Amino acid sequence: MTVNTKITELINKNKRNKLFTDRKNISKLAKSMLNTTSVYITMYVLSIIEDANRDYTNEDIDKIFKTIE
């Protein structure tokens, strides 16, 4: 193994360690992003319902959400 390869491996290892230093922060960020995504999906579904200009039952709305999943 050359010195250059060892240096590259150390650099890559340190980059990963900096990314995953505090797992709580990463999980909080992921949870926040999922919540934001959920809000956007809900807004999208509500816009579909409003554009359709018809009365939907709860079952119809559940079908729309299941289709998106």
N, C-alpha and C. Protein backbone atom coordinates (compact mmCIF):
# COMPACT_ATOMS: atom_id res chain seq x y z
N MET A 1 0.85 -1.17 0.00
CA MET A 1 0.00 0.00 0.00
C MET A 1 0.90 1.24 0.00
N THR A 2 0.61 2.14 -0.89
CA THR A 2 1.45 3.33 -1.00
C THR A 2 1.05 4.36 0.06
N VAL A 3 1.91 5.31 0.27
CA VAL A 3 1.64 6.38 1.23
C VAL A 3 0.43 7.20 0.78
N ASN A 4 0.33 7.43 -0.52
CA ASN A 4 -0.79 8.20 -1.05
C ASN A 4 -2.12 7.51 -0.75
N THR A 5 -2.16 6.19 -0.88
CA THR A 5 -3.38 5.44 -0.60
C THR A 5 -3.74 5.53 0.87
N LYS A 6 -2.73 5.43 1.75
CA LYS A 6 -2.99 5.53 3.19
C LYS A 6 -3.53 6.91 3.55
N ILE A 7 -2.96 7.93 2.95
CA ILE A 7 -3.43 9.29 3.22
C ILE A 7 -4.87 9.46 2.75
N THR A 8 -5.18 8.94 1.58
CA THR A 8 -6.55 9.03 1.05
C THR A 8 -7.52 8.30 1.97
N GLU A 9 -7.13 7.13 2.47
CA GLU A 9 -8.00 6.39 3.39
C GLU A 9 -8.23 7.17 4.68
N LEU A 10 -7.20 7.79 5.21
CA LEU A 10 -7.35 8.58 6.43
C LEU A 10 -8.27 9.78 6.21
N ILE A 11 -8.11 10.43 5.07
CA ILE A 11 -8.98 11.58 4.75
C ILE A 11 -10.43 11.13 4.68
N ASN A 12 -10.68 10.03 3.98
CA ASN A 12 -12.05 9.54 3.85
C ASN A 12 -12.62 9.13 5.20
N LYS A 13 -11.80 8.48 6.04
CA LYS A 13 -12.26 8.07 7.37
C LYS A 13 -12.62 9.29 8.20
N ASN A 14 -11.80 10.32 8.15
CA ASN A 14 -12.07 11.53 8.92
C ASN A 14 -13.32 12.25 8.43
N LYS A 15 -13.57 12.22 7.13
CA LYS A 15 -14.79 12.84 6.59
C LYS A 15 -16.01 12.14 7.15
N ARG A 16 -15.97 10.80 7.18
CA ARG A 16 -17.11 10.05 7.72
C ARG A 16 -17.30 10.34 9.20
N ASN A 17 -16.21 10.43 9.95
CA ASN A 17 -16.32 10.70 11.38
C ASN A 17 -16.93 12.07 11.64
N LYS A 18 -16.62 13.04 10.80
CA LYS A 18 -17.20 14.37 10.97
C LYS A 18 -18.69 14.36 10.65
N LEU A 19 -19.08 13.55 9.69
CA LEU A 19 -20.50 13.47 9.34
C LEU A 19 -21.32 12.84 10.44
N PHE A 20 -20.75 11.84 11.11
CA PHE A 20 -21.51 11.07 12.09
C PHE A 20 -21.00 11.27 13.51
N THR A 21 -20.61 12.50 13.85
CA THR A 21 -20.08 12.73 15.19
C THR A 21 -21.16 12.64 16.25
N ASP A 22 -22.34 13.18 15.98
CA ASP A 22 -23.40 13.19 16.98
C ASP A 22 -24.66 12.59 16.35
N ARG A 23 -24.91 11.35 16.63
CA ARG A 23 -26.02 10.65 16.00
C ARG A 23 -27.38 11.26 16.37
N LYS A 24 -27.48 11.89 17.54
CA LYS A 24 -28.75 12.51 17.91
C LYS A 24 -29.11 13.62 16.93
N ASN A 25 -28.13 14.44 16.58
CA ASN A 25 -28.41 15.53 15.65
C ASN A 25 -28.86 15.00 14.30
N ILE A 26 -28.24 13.92 13.84
CA ILE A 26 -28.62 13.34 12.56
C ILE A 26 -30.04 12.81 12.62
N SER A 27 -30.39 12.13 13.70
CA SER A 27 -31.74 11.58 13.79
C SER A 27 -32.78 12.69 13.93
N LYS A 28 -32.43 13.78 14.64
CA LYS A 28 -33.36 14.91 14.74
C LYS A 28 -33.56 15.55 13.38
N LEU A 29 -32.48 15.68 12.63
CA LEU A 29 -32.58 16.27 11.29
C LEU A 29 -33.44 15.38 10.39
N ALA A 30 -33.21 14.08 10.44
CA ALA A 30 -33.99 13.16 9.61
C ALA A 30 -35.47 13.21 9.99
N LYS A 31 -35.75 13.26 11.28
CA LYS A 31 -37.14 13.33 11.73
C LYS A 31 -37.79 14.63 11.26
N SER A 32 -37.05 15.71 11.35
CA SER A 32 -37.57 17.00 10.89
C SER A 32 -37.85 16.96 9.40
N MET A 33 -36.95 16.35 8.63
CA MET A 33 -37.15 16.27 7.18
C MET A 33 -38.36 15.40 6.85
N LEU A 34 -38.55 14.31 7.59
CA LEU A 34 -39.72 13.46 7.36
C LEU A 34 -41.00 14.20 7.69
N ASN A 35 -40.99 14.96 8.76
CA ASN A 35 -42.18 15.75 9.11
C ASN A 35 -42.49 16.78 8.03
N THR A 36 -41.46 17.43 7.52
CA THR A 36 -41.65 18.41 6.45
C THR A 36 -42.21 17.73 5.21
N THR A 37 -41.67 16.58 4.87
CA THR A 37 -42.16 15.83 3.70
C THR A 37 -43.62 15.44 3.90
N SER A 38 -43.96 15.03 5.10
CA SER A 38 -45.34 14.66 5.40
C SER A 38 -46.28 15.84 5.20
N VAL A 39 -45.85 17.02 5.62
CA VAL A 39 -46.67 18.22 5.45
C VAL A 39 -46.86 18.51 3.96
N TYR A 40 -45.79 18.39 3.17
CA TYR A 40 -45.91 18.65 1.74
C TYR A 40 -46.85 17.65 1.06
N ILE A 41 -46.76 16.39 1.46
CA ILE A 41 -47.65 15.38 0.87
C ILE A 41 -49.10 15.70 1.23
N THR A 42 -49.34 16.07 2.47
CA THR A 42 -50.69 16.42 2.89
C THR A 42 -51.22 17.61 2.11
N MET A 43 -50.38 18.62 1.92
CA MET A 43 -50.79 19.79 1.14
C MET A 43 -51.10 19.40 -0.30
N TYR A 44 -50.31 18.49 -0.86
CA TYR A 44 -50.53 18.04 -2.23
C TYR A 44 -51.88 17.33 -2.35
N VAL A 45 -52.16 16.46 -1.41
CA VAL A 45 -53.43 15.73 -1.44
C VAL A 45 -54.60 16.69 -1.28
N LEU A 46 -54.47 17.63 -0.39
CA LEU A 46 -55.56 18.60 -0.21
C LEU A 46 -55.78 19.44 -1.46
N SER A 47 -54.70 19.76 -2.16
CA SER A 47 -54.87 20.52 -3.41
C SER A 47 -55.56 19.68 -4.47
N ILE A 48 -55.29 18.38 -4.50
CA ILE A 48 -55.98 17.48 -5.44
C ILE A 48 -57.48 17.48 -5.13
N ILE A 49 -57.81 17.39 -3.85
CA ILE A 49 -59.21 17.35 -3.45
C ILE A 49 -59.91 18.66 -3.80
N GLU A 50 -59.26 19.78 -3.56
CA GLU A 50 -59.87 21.08 -3.87
C GLU A 50 -60.04 21.26 -5.37
N ASP A 51 -59.07 20.82 -6.17
CA ASP A 51 -59.15 20.98 -7.62
C ASP A 51 -60.25 20.13 -8.23
N ALA A 52 -60.58 19.04 -7.58
CA ALA A 52 -61.58 18.13 -8.13
C ALA A 52 -63.00 18.69 -8.00
N ASN A 53 -63.20 19.61 -7.06
CA ASN A 53 -64.51 20.23 -6.86
C ASN A 53 -65.63 19.21 -6.68
N ARG A 54 -65.38 18.23 -5.86
CA ARG A 54 -66.44 17.29 -5.53
C ARG A 54 -66.29 16.85 -4.09
N ASP A 55 -67.32 16.29 -3.56
CA ASP A 55 -67.29 15.85 -2.16
C ASP A 55 -66.63 14.48 -2.07
N TYR A 56 -65.64 14.39 -1.21
CA TYR A 56 -64.95 13.13 -0.98
C TYR A 56 -65.34 12.57 0.38
N THR A 57 -65.46 11.27 0.44
CA THR A 57 -65.67 10.63 1.73
C THR A 57 -64.30 10.36 2.36
N ASN A 58 -64.31 9.98 3.61
CA ASN A 58 -63.05 9.65 4.29
C ASN A 58 -62.35 8.48 3.60
N GLU A 59 -63.11 7.55 3.09
CA GLU A 59 -62.52 6.40 2.39
C GLU A 59 -61.81 6.84 1.12
N ASP A 60 -62.40 7.79 0.41
CA ASP A 60 -61.76 8.31 -0.81
C ASP A 60 -60.43 8.98 -0.47
N ILE A 61 -60.42 9.75 0.60
CA ILE A 61 -59.19 10.43 1.00
C ILE A 61 -58.13 9.41 1.43
N ASP A 62 -58.55 8.38 2.15
CA ASP A 62 -57.60 7.32 2.54
C ASP A 62 -57.01 6.64 1.31
N LYS A 63 -57.82 6.42 0.28
CA LYS A 63 -57.31 5.80 -0.95
C LYS A 63 -56.26 6.68 -1.61
N ILE A 64 -56.48 7.99 -1.60
CA ILE A 64 -55.51 8.91 -2.20
C ILE A 64 -54.18 8.81 -1.46
N PHE A 65 -54.23 8.82 -0.12
CA PHE A 65 -52.98 8.72 0.65
C PHE A 65 -52.29 7.38 0.42
N LYS A 66 -53.06 6.31 0.33
CA LYS A 66 -52.45 4.99 0.09
C LYS A 66 -51.81 4.93 -1.29
N THR A 67 -52.40 5.59 -2.27
CA THR A 67 -51.82 5.64 -3.61
C THR A 67 -50.48 6.35 -3.59
N ILE A 68 -50.39 7.43 -2.83
CA ILE A 68 -49.14 8.18 -2.75
C ILE A 68 -48.06 7.37 -2.05
N GLU A 69 -48.44 6.60 -1.02
CA GLU A 69 -47.44 5.80 -0.31
C GLU A 69 -46.82 4.81 -1.24
